[in-house]
């Protein structure tokens, strides 16, 4: 993954963030799905999209967590995009 992102001309920090994000996705697939897995990277509208595919034809059930008064939808200062970073 690191080589692919470098070949796309992305900066070092973005490459490191991308590798971390993909490793988390692969670890999640390994823990919750059937292998083997495939990693797909594509470009759409100037952004890079990474997908992890497994052999399970069924989509996982989506569960909703109960929110407590102190729980926000997203941590403050965090971005969900690969090139985002969490503020300390």
PDB file of N, CA and C in Angstrom:
ATOM      1  N   UNK A   1       0.829  -1.179   0.000  1.00  0.00           N
ATOM      2  CA  UNK A   1       0.000   0.000   0.000  1.00  0.00           C
ATOM      3  C   UNK A   1       0.876   1.247   0.000  1.00  0.00           C
ATOM      4  N   UNK A   2       1.926   1.206   0.782  1.00  0.00           N
ATOM      5  CA  UNK A   2       2.824   2.370   0.850  1.00  0.00           C
ATOM      6  C   UNK A   2       3.364   2.702  -0.536  1.00  0.00           C
ATOM      7  N   UNK A   3       3.789   1.690  -1.291  1.00  0.00           N
ATOM      8  CA  UNK A   3       4.338   1.918  -2.630  1.00  0.00           C
ATOM      9  C   UNK A   3       3.281   2.500  -3.562  1.00  0.00           C
ATOM     10  N   UNK A   4       2.059   1.984  -3.486  1.00  0.00           N
ATOM     11  CA  UNK A   4       0.971   2.483  -4.336  1.00  0.00           C
ATOM     12  C   UNK A   4       0.712   3.961  -4.051  1.00  0.00           C
ATOM     13  N   UNK A   5       0.635   4.312  -2.785  1.00  0.00           N
ATOM     14  CA  UNK A   5       0.359   5.705  -2.428  1.00  0.00           C
ATOM     15  C   UNK A   5       1.521   6.622  -2.815  1.00  0.00           C
ATOM     16  N   UNK A   6       2.750   6.138  -2.646  1.00  0.00           N
ATOM     17  CA  UNK A   6       3.909   6.937  -3.065  1.00  0.00           C
ATOM     18  C   UNK A   6       3.909   7.121  -4.574  1.00  0.00           C
ATOM     19  N   UNK A   7       3.581   6.052  -5.315  1.00  0.00           N
ATOM     20  CA  UNK A   7       3.533   6.135  -6.773  1.00  0.00           C
ATOM     21  C   UNK A   7       2.468   7.119  -7.256  1.00  0.00           C
ATOM     22  N   UNK A   8       1.455   7.362  -6.442  1.00  0.00           N
ATOM     23  CA  UNK A   8       0.420   8.334  -6.789  1.00  0.00           C
ATOM     24  C   UNK A   8       0.878   9.767  -6.524  1.00  0.00           C
ATOM     25  N   UNK A   9       2.072   9.911  -5.933  1.00  0.00           N
ATOM     26  CA  UNK A   9       2.631  11.233  -5.697  1.00  0.00           C
ATOM     27  C   UNK A   9       2.149  11.901  -4.423  1.00  0.00           C
ATOM     28  N   UNK A  10       1.619  11.119  -3.495  1.00  0.00           N
ATOM     29  CA  UNK A  10       1.127  11.694  -2.246  1.00  0.00           C
ATOM     30  C   UNK A  10       2.289  11.982  -1.301  1.00  0.00           C
ATOM     31  N   UNK A  11       2.101  12.952  -0.412  1.00  0.00           N
ATOM     32  CA  UNK A  11       3.157  13.346   0.525  1.00  0.00           C
ATOM     33  C   UNK A  11       3.372  12.269   1.583  1.00  0.00           C
ATOM     34  N   UNK A  12       4.505  12.343   2.263  1.00  0.00           N
ATOM     35  CA  UNK A  12       4.874  11.350   3.273  1.00  0.00           C
ATOM     36  C   UNK A  12       3.854  11.185   4.377  1.00  0.00           C
ATOM     37  N   UNK A  13       3.332  12.305   4.900  1.00  0.00           N
ATOM     38  CA  UNK A  13       2.335  12.222   5.971  1.00  0.00           C
ATOM     39  C   UNK A  13       1.039  11.580   5.486  1.00  0.00           C
ATOM     40  N   UNK A  14       0.625  11.918   4.287  1.00  0.00           N
ATOM     41  CA  UNK A  14      -0.602  11.342   3.732  1.00  0.00           C
ATOM     42  C   UNK A  14      -0.405   9.844   3.479  1.00  0.00           C
ATOM     43  N   UNK A  15       0.774   9.467   2.991  1.00  0.00           N
ATOM     44  CA  UNK A  15       1.078   8.054   2.777  1.00  0.00           C
ATOM     45  C   UNK A  15       1.013   7.301   4.108  1.00  0.00           C
ATOM     46  N   UNK A  16       1.630   7.845   5.145  1.00  0.00           N
ATOM     47  CA  UNK A  16       1.613   7.191   6.464  1.00  0.00           C
ATOM     48  C   UNK A  16       0.193   7.061   7.003  1.00  0.00           C
ATOM     49  N   UNK A  17      -0.605   8.118   6.869  1.00  0.00           N
ATOM     50  CA  UNK A  17      -1.998   8.065   7.313  1.00  0.00           C
ATOM     51  C   UNK A  17      -2.788   7.031   6.523  1.00  0.00           C
ATOM     52  N   UNK A  18      -2.551   6.977   5.219  1.00  0.00           N
ATOM     53  CA  UNK A  18      -3.242   6.011   4.369  1.00  0.00           C
ATOM     54  C   UNK A  18      -2.888   4.586   4.734  1.00  0.00           C
ATOM     55  N   UNK A  19      -1.608   4.325   4.972  1.00  0.00           N
ATOM     56  CA  UNK A  19      -1.169   2.978   5.361  1.00  0.00           C
ATOM     57  C   UNK A  19      -1.807   2.582   6.695  1.00  0.00           C
ATOM     58  N   UNK A  20      -1.856   3.505   7.643  1.00  0.00           N
ATOM     59  CA  UNK A  20      -2.484   3.220   8.933  1.00  0.00           C
ATOM     60  C   UNK A  20      -3.974   2.915   8.759  1.00  0.00           C
ATOM     61  N   UNK A  21      -4.663   3.722   7.975  1.00  0.00           N
ATOM     62  CA  UNK A  21      -6.101   3.517   7.761  1.00  0.00           C
ATOM     63  C   UNK A  21      -6.367   2.164   7.104  1.00  0.00           C
ATOM     64  N   UNK A  22      -5.574   1.830   6.094  1.00  0.00           N
ATOM     65  CA  UNK A  22      -5.773   0.551   5.399  1.00  0.00           C
ATOM     66  C   UNK A  22      -5.456  -0.613   6.328  1.00  0.00           C
ATOM     67  N   UNK A  23      -4.426  -0.484   7.151  1.00  0.00           N
ATOM     68  CA  UNK A  23      -4.098  -1.585   8.070  1.00  0.00           C
ATOM     69  C   UNK A  23      -5.230  -1.800   9.066  1.00  0.00           C
ATOM     70  N   UNK A  24      -5.882  -0.720   9.493  1.00  0.00           N
ATOM     71  CA  UNK A  24      -7.036  -0.852  10.388  1.00  0.00           C
ATOM     72  C   UNK A  24      -8.205  -1.544   9.683  1.00  0.00           C
ATOM     73  N   UNK A  25      -8.448  -1.190   8.424  1.00  0.00           N
ATOM     74  CA  UNK A  25      -9.529  -1.821   7.666  1.00  0.00           C
ATOM     75  C   UNK A  25      -9.261  -3.311   7.453  1.00  0.00           C
ATOM     76  N   UNK A  26      -8.020  -3.654   7.131  1.00  0.00           N
ATOM     77  CA  UNK A  26      -7.659  -5.058   6.921  1.00  0.00           C
ATOM     78  C   UNK A  26      -7.785  -5.836   8.233  1.00  0.00           C
ATOM     79  N   UNK A  27      -7.331  -5.252   9.341  1.00  0.00           N
ATOM     80  CA  UNK A  27      -7.460  -5.917  10.638  1.00  0.00           C
ATOM     81  C   UNK A  27      -8.928  -6.148  10.984  1.00  0.00           C
ATOM     82  N   UNK A  28      -9.784  -5.174  10.680  1.00  0.00           N
ATOM     83  CA  UNK A  28     -11.218  -5.309  10.923  1.00  0.00           C
ATOM     84  C   UNK A  28     -11.807  -6.430  10.068  1.00  0.00           C
ATOM     85  N   UNK A  29     -11.425  -6.485   8.807  1.00  0.00           N
ATOM     86  CA  UNK A  29     -11.914  -7.558   7.928  1.00  0.00           C
ATOM     87  C   UNK A  29     -11.453  -8.914   8.435  1.00  0.00           C
ATOM     88  N   UNK A  30     -10.203  -8.991   8.869  1.00  0.00           N
ATOM     89  CA  UNK A  30      -9.662 -10.254   9.372  1.00  0.00           C
ATOM     90  C   UNK A  30     -10.413 -10.720  10.612  1.00  0.00           C
ATOM     91  N   UNK A  31     -10.795  -9.780  11.457  1.00  0.00           N
ATOM     92  CA  UNK A  31     -11.485 -10.124  12.698  1.00  0.00           C
ATOM     93  C   UNK A  31     -12.951 -10.475  12.475  1.00  0.00           C
ATOM     94  N   UNK A  32     -13.611  -9.825  11.508  1.00  0.00           N
ATOM     95  CA  UNK A  32     -15.063  -9.949  11.398  1.00  0.00           C
ATOM     96  C   UNK A  32     -15.582 -10.618  10.128  1.00  0.00           C
ATOM     97  N   UNK A  33     -14.720 -10.963   9.183  1.00  0.00           N
ATOM     98  CA  UNK A  33     -15.213 -11.497   7.907  1.00  0.00           C
ATOM     99  C   UNK A  33     -14.425 -12.733   7.496  1.00  0.00           C
ATOM    100  N   UNK A  34     -14.890 -13.329   6.413  1.00  0.00           N
ATOM    101  CA  UNK A  34     -14.230 -14.508   5.861  1.00  0.00           C
ATOM    102  C   UNK A  34     -13.193 -14.072   4.832  1.00  0.00           C
ATOM    103  N   UNK A  35     -12.020 -14.682   4.870  1.00  0.00           N
ATOM    104  CA  UNK A  35     -10.991 -14.388   3.875  1.00  0.00           C
ATOM    105  C   UNK A  35     -11.189 -15.256   2.662  1.00  0.00           C
ATOM    106  N   UNK A  36     -10.432 -15.087   1.652  1.00  0.00           N
ATOM    107  CA  UNK A  36      -9.366 -14.095   1.504  1.00  0.00           C
ATOM    108  C   UNK A  36      -9.942 -12.695   1.267  1.00  0.00           C
ATOM    109  N   UNK A  37      -9.071 -11.693   1.376  1.00  0.00           N
ATOM    110  CA  UNK A  37      -9.473 -10.299   1.246  1.00  0.00           C
ATOM    111  C   UNK A  37      -8.775  -9.669   0.045  1.00  0.00           C
ATOM    112  N   UNK A  38      -9.404  -8.663  -0.506  1.00  0.00           N
ATOM    113  CA  UNK A  38      -8.813  -7.889  -1.604  1.00  0.00           C
ATOM    114  C   UNK A  38      -8.846  -6.419  -1.230  1.00  0.00           C
ATOM    115  N   UNK A  39      -7.771  -5.705  -1.547  1.00  0.00           N
ATOM    116  CA  UNK A  39      -7.699  -4.268  -1.316  1.00  0.00           C
ATOM    117  C   UNK A  39      -7.833  -3.582  -2.670  1.00  0.00           C
ATOM    118  N   UNK A  40      -8.773  -2.669  -2.788  1.00  0.00           N
ATOM    119  CA  UNK A  40      -8.991  -1.919  -4.020  1.00  0.00           C
ATOM    120  C   UNK A  40      -8.779  -0.436  -3.744  1.00  0.00           C
ATOM    121  N   UNK A  41      -7.969   0.222  -4.553  1.00  0.00           N
ATOM    122  CA  UNK A  41      -7.750   1.663  -4.451  1.00  0.00           C
ATOM    123  C   UNK A  41      -8.177   2.277  -5.773  1.00  0.00           C
ATOM    124  N   UNK A  42      -8.999   3.317  -5.706  1.00  0.00           N
ATOM    125  CA  UNK A  42      -9.437   3.984  -6.932  1.00  0.00           C
ATOM    126  C   UNK A  42      -9.526   5.479  -6.690  1.00  0.00           C
ATOM    127  N   UNK A  43      -9.572   6.205  -7.776  1.00  0.00           N
ATOM    128  CA  UNK A  43      -9.676   7.654  -7.707  1.00  0.00           C
ATOM    129  C   UNK A  43     -11.056   8.071  -8.203  1.00  0.00           C
ATOM    130  N   UNK A  44     -11.654   9.013  -7.480  1.00  0.00           N
ATOM    131  CA  UNK A  44     -12.963   9.534  -7.875  1.00  0.00           C
ATOM    132  C   UNK A  44     -13.038  10.994  -7.446  1.00  0.00           C
ATOM    133  N   UNK A  45     -13.272  11.869  -8.390  1.00  0.00           N
ATOM    134  CA  UNK A  45     -13.438  13.304  -8.133  1.00  0.00           C
ATOM    135  C   UNK A  45     -12.260  13.878  -7.347  1.00  0.00           C
ATOM    136  N   UNK A  46     -11.042  13.469  -7.717  1.00  0.00           N
ATOM    137  CA  UNK A  46      -9.852  14.009  -7.076  1.00  0.00           C
ATOM    138  C   UNK A  46      -9.534  13.438  -5.709  1.00  0.00           C
ATOM    139  N   UNK A  47     -10.247  12.405  -5.289  1.00  0.00           N
ATOM    140  CA  UNK A  47     -10.002  11.757  -3.994  1.00  0.00           C
ATOM    141  C   UNK A  47      -9.669  10.301  -4.235  1.00  0.00           C
ATOM    142  N   UNK A  48      -8.940   9.707  -3.322  1.00  0.00           N
ATOM    143  CA  UNK A  48      -8.610   8.295  -3.409  1.00  0.00           C
ATOM    144  C   UNK A  48      -9.483   7.522  -2.440  1.00  0.00           C
ATOM    145  N   UNK A  49     -10.042   6.433  -2.938  1.00  0.00           N
ATOM    146  CA  UNK A  49     -10.951   5.608  -2.146  1.00  0.00           C
ATOM    147  C   UNK A  49     -10.350   4.223  -2.028  1.00  0.00           C
ATOM    148  N   UNK A  50     -10.280   3.726  -0.806  1.00  0.00           N
ATOM    149  CA  UNK A  50      -9.759   2.386  -0.559  1.00  0.00           C
ATOM    150  C   UNK A  50     -10.886   1.523  -0.017  1.00  0.00           C
ATOM    151  N   UNK A  51     -11.024   0.343  -0.595  1.00  0.00           N
ATOM    152  CA  UNK A  51     -12.053  -0.594  -0.154  1.00  0.00           C
ATOM    153  C   UNK A  51     -11.404  -1.940   0.126  1.00  0.00           C
ATOM    154  N   UNK A  52     -11.902  -2.617   1.143  1.00  0.00           N
ATOM    155  CA  UNK A  52     -11.465  -3.965   1.469  1.00  0.00           C
ATOM    156  C   UNK A  52     -12.651  -4.874   1.178  1.00  0.00           C
ATOM    157  N   UNK A  53     -12.437  -5.865   0.317  1.00  0.00           N
ATOM    158  CA  UNK A  53     -13.501  -6.802  -0.042  1.00  0.00           C
ATOM    159  C   UNK A  53     -13.180  -8.173   0.532  1.00  0.00           C
ATOM    160  N   UNK A  54     -14.231  -8.859   1.034  1.00  0.00           N
ATOM    161  CA  UNK A  54     -14.073 -10.234   1.487  1.00  0.00           C
ATOM    162  C   UNK A  54     -15.015 -11.115   0.669  1.00  0.00           C
ATOM    163  N   UNK A  55     -14.990 -12.384   0.943  1.00  0.00           N
ATOM    164  CA  UNK A  55     -15.791 -13.345   0.160  1.00  0.00           C
ATOM    165  C   UNK A  55     -17.223 -13.504   0.655  1.00  0.00           C
ATOM    166  N   UNK A  56     -17.580 -12.880   1.761  1.00  0.00           N
ATOM    167  CA  UNK A  56     -18.921 -13.024   2.312  1.00  0.00           C
ATOM    168  C   UNK A  56     -19.908 -12.224   1.468  1.00  0.00           C
ATOM    169  N   UNK A  57     -20.915 -12.879   0.857  1.00  0.00           N
ATOM    170  CA  UNK A  57     -21.870 -12.158   0.013  1.00  0.00           C
ATOM    171  C   UNK A  57     -22.876 -11.315   0.806  1.00  0.00           C
ATOM    172  N   UNK A  58     -22.968 -11.536   2.114  1.00  0.00           N
ATOM    173  CA  UNK A  58     -23.931 -10.797   2.934  1.00  0.00           C
ATOM    174  C   UNK A  58     -23.273  -9.576   3.563  1.00  0.00           C
ATOM    175  N   UNK A  59     -24.020  -8.491   3.603  1.00  0.00           N
ATOM    176  CA  UNK A  59     -23.546  -7.296   4.292  1.00  0.00           C
ATOM    177  C   UNK A  59     -23.764  -7.482   5.787  1.00  0.00           C
ATOM    178  N   UNK A  60     -22.884  -6.948   6.607  1.00  0.00           N
ATOM    179  CA  UNK A  60     -23.078  -7.081   8.060  1.00  0.00           C
ATOM    180  C   UNK A  60     -24.282  -6.281   8.523  1.00  0.00           C
ATOM    181  N   UNK A  61     -24.885  -6.750   9.592  1.00  0.00           N
ATOM    182  CA  UNK A  61     -26.017  -6.029  10.180  1.00  0.00           C
ATOM    183  C   UNK A  61     -25.500  -4.742  10.807  1.00  0.00           C
ATOM    184  N   UNK A  62     -26.237  -3.675  10.625  1.00  0.00           N
ATOM    185  CA  UNK A  62     -25.862  -2.394  11.203  1.00  0.00           C
ATOM    186  C   UNK A  62     -26.578  -2.262  12.535  1.00  0.00           C
ATOM    187  N   UNK A  63     -25.806  -2.018  13.574  1.00  0.00           N
ATOM    188  CA  UNK A  63     -26.407  -1.820  14.890  1.00  0.00           C
ATOM    189  C   UNK A  63     -26.204  -0.377  15.308  1.00  0.00           C
ATOM    190  N   UNK A  64     -27.139   0.141  16.032  1.00  0.00           N
ATOM    191  CA  UNK A  64     -27.040   1.520  16.506  1.00  0.00           C
ATOM    192  C   UNK A  64     -26.684   1.486  17.977  1.00  0.00           C
ATOM    193  N   UNK A  65     -25.714   2.293  18.318  1.00  0.00           N
ATOM    194  CA  UNK A  65     -25.340   2.409  19.716  1.00  0.00           C
ATOM    195  C   UNK A  65     -26.211   3.463  20.380  1.00  0.00           C
ATOM    196  N   UNK A  66     -26.513   3.222  21.618  1.00  0.00           N
ATOM    197  CA  UNK A  66     -27.250   4.224  22.384  1.00  0.00           C
ATOM    198  C   UNK A  66     -26.307   5.338  22.757  1.00  0.00           C
ATOM    199  N   UNK A  67     -26.720   6.545  22.506  1.00  0.00           N
ATOM    200  CA  UNK A  67     -25.883   7.695  22.852  1.00  0.00           C
ATOM    201  C   UNK A  67     -26.159   8.133  24.268  1.00  0.00           C
ATOM    202  N   UNK A  68     -25.095   8.425  24.969  1.00  0.00           N
ATOM    203  CA  UNK A  68     -25.233   8.982  26.304  1.00  0.00           C
ATOM    204  C   UNK A  68     -25.108  10.494  26.181  1.00  0.00           C
ATOM    205  N   UNK A  69     -25.540  11.248  27.163  1.00  0.00           N
ATOM    206  CA  UNK A  69     -25.463  12.716  27.048  1.00  0.00           C
ATOM    207  C   UNK A  69     -24.051  13.238  26.783  1.00  0.00           C
ATOM    208  N   UNK A  70     -23.013  12.559  27.264  1.00  0.00           N
ATOM    209  CA  UNK A  70     -21.638  13.024  27.078  1.00  0.00           C
ATOM    210  C   UNK A  70     -20.999  12.512  25.796  1.00  0.00           C
ATOM    211  N   UNK A  71     -21.686  11.716  25.062  1.00  0.00           N
ATOM    212  CA  UNK A  71     -21.124  11.115  23.855  1.00  0.00           C
ATOM    213  C   UNK A  71     -21.543  11.923  22.632  1.00  0.00           C
ATOM    214  N   UNK A  72     -20.589  12.420  21.895  1.00  0.00           N
ATOM    215  CA  UNK A  72     -20.908  13.157  20.676  1.00  0.00           C
ATOM    216  C   UNK A  72     -20.818  12.209  19.489  1.00  0.00           C
ATOM    217  N   UNK A  73     -21.315  12.647  18.342  1.00  0.00           N
ATOM    218  CA  UNK A  73     -21.266  11.814  17.144  1.00  0.00           C
ATOM    219  C   UNK A  73     -19.850  11.581  16.662  1.00  0.00           C
ATOM    220  N   UNK A  74     -18.985  12.571  16.769  1.00  0.00           N
ATOM    221  CA  UNK A  74     -17.587  12.453  16.364  1.00  0.00           C
ATOM    222  C   UNK A  74     -16.724  13.107  17.420  1.00  0.00           C
ATOM    223  N   UNK A  75     -15.519  12.576  17.575  1.00  0.00           N
ATOM    224  CA  UNK A  75     -14.604  13.218  18.511  1.00  0.00           C
ATOM    225  C   UNK A  75     -14.226  14.581  17.974  1.00  0.00           C
ATOM    226  N   UNK A  76     -14.117  15.533  18.839  1.00  0.00           N
ATOM    227  CA  UNK A  76     -13.748  16.893  18.427  1.00  0.00           C
ATOM    228  C   UNK A  76     -12.376  16.878  17.787  1.00  0.00           C
ATOM    229  N   UNK A  77     -12.251  17.562  16.656  1.00  0.00           N
ATOM    230  CA  UNK A  77     -10.959  17.704  16.001  1.00  0.00           C
ATOM    231  C   UNK A  77     -10.575  16.552  15.109  1.00  0.00           C
ATOM    232  N   UNK A  78     -11.457  15.592  14.854  1.00  0.00           N
ATOM    233  CA  UNK A  78     -11.107  14.440  14.023  1.00  0.00           C
ATOM    234  C   UNK A  78     -11.798  14.500  12.678  1.00  0.00           C
ATOM    235  N   UNK A  79     -11.090  14.052  11.686  1.00  0.00           N
ATOM    236  CA  UNK A  79     -11.631  13.973  10.340  1.00  0.00           C
ATOM    237  C   UNK A  79     -11.743  12.513   9.955  1.00  0.00           C
ATOM    238  N   UNK A  80     -12.748  12.156   9.171  1.00  0.00           N
ATOM    239  CA  UNK A  80     -12.907  10.778   8.752  1.00  0.00           C
ATOM    240  C   UNK A  80     -12.168  10.473   7.467  1.00  0.00           C
ATOM    241  N   UNK A  81     -11.568  11.470   6.853  1.00  0.00           N
ATOM    242  CA  UNK A  81     -10.840  11.225   5.610  1.00  0.00           C
ATOM    243  C   UNK A  81      -9.419  10.771   5.906  1.00  0.00           C
ATOM    244  N   UNK A  82      -8.828  10.066   4.975  1.00  0.00           N
ATOM    245  CA  UNK A  82      -7.479   9.539   5.159  1.00  0.00           C
ATOM    246  C   UNK A  82      -6.488  10.666   5.394  1.00  0.00           C
ATOM    247  N   UNK A  83      -6.667  11.791   4.720  1.00  0.00           N
ATOM    248  CA  UNK A  83      -5.695  12.864   4.855  1.00  0.00           C
ATOM    249  C   UNK A  83      -5.988  13.764   6.047  1.00  0.00           C
ATOM    250  N   UNK A  84      -7.035  13.455   6.828  1.00  0.00           N
ATOM    251  CA  UNK A  84      -7.329  14.250   8.020  1.00  0.00           C
ATOM    252  C   UNK A  84      -6.457  13.804   9.181  1.00  0.00           C
ATOM    253  N   UNK A  85      -6.432  14.568  10.207  1.00  0.00           N
ATOM    254  CA  UNK A  85      -5.657  14.223  11.389  1.00  0.00           C
ATOM    255  C   UNK A  85      -6.436  14.614  12.624  1.00  0.00           C
ATOM    256  N   UNK A  86      -6.200  13.929  13.714  1.00  0.00           N
ATOM    257  CA  UNK A  86      -6.868  14.240  14.977  1.00  0.00           C
ATOM    258  C   UNK A  86      -6.051  15.279  15.725  1.00  0.00           C
ATOM    259  N   UNK A  87      -6.748  16.278  16.193  1.00  0.00           N
ATOM    260  CA  UNK A  87      -6.090  17.294  16.998  1.00  0.00           C
ATOM    261  C   UNK A  87      -5.896  16.765  18.408  1.00  0.00           C
ATOM    262  N   UNK A  88      -4.822  17.118  19.033  1.00  0.00           N
ATOM    263  CA  UNK A  88      -4.546  16.646  20.402  1.00  0.00           C
ATOM    264  C   UNK A  88      -5.281  17.508  21.395  1.00  0.00           C
TER     265      UNK A  88
END
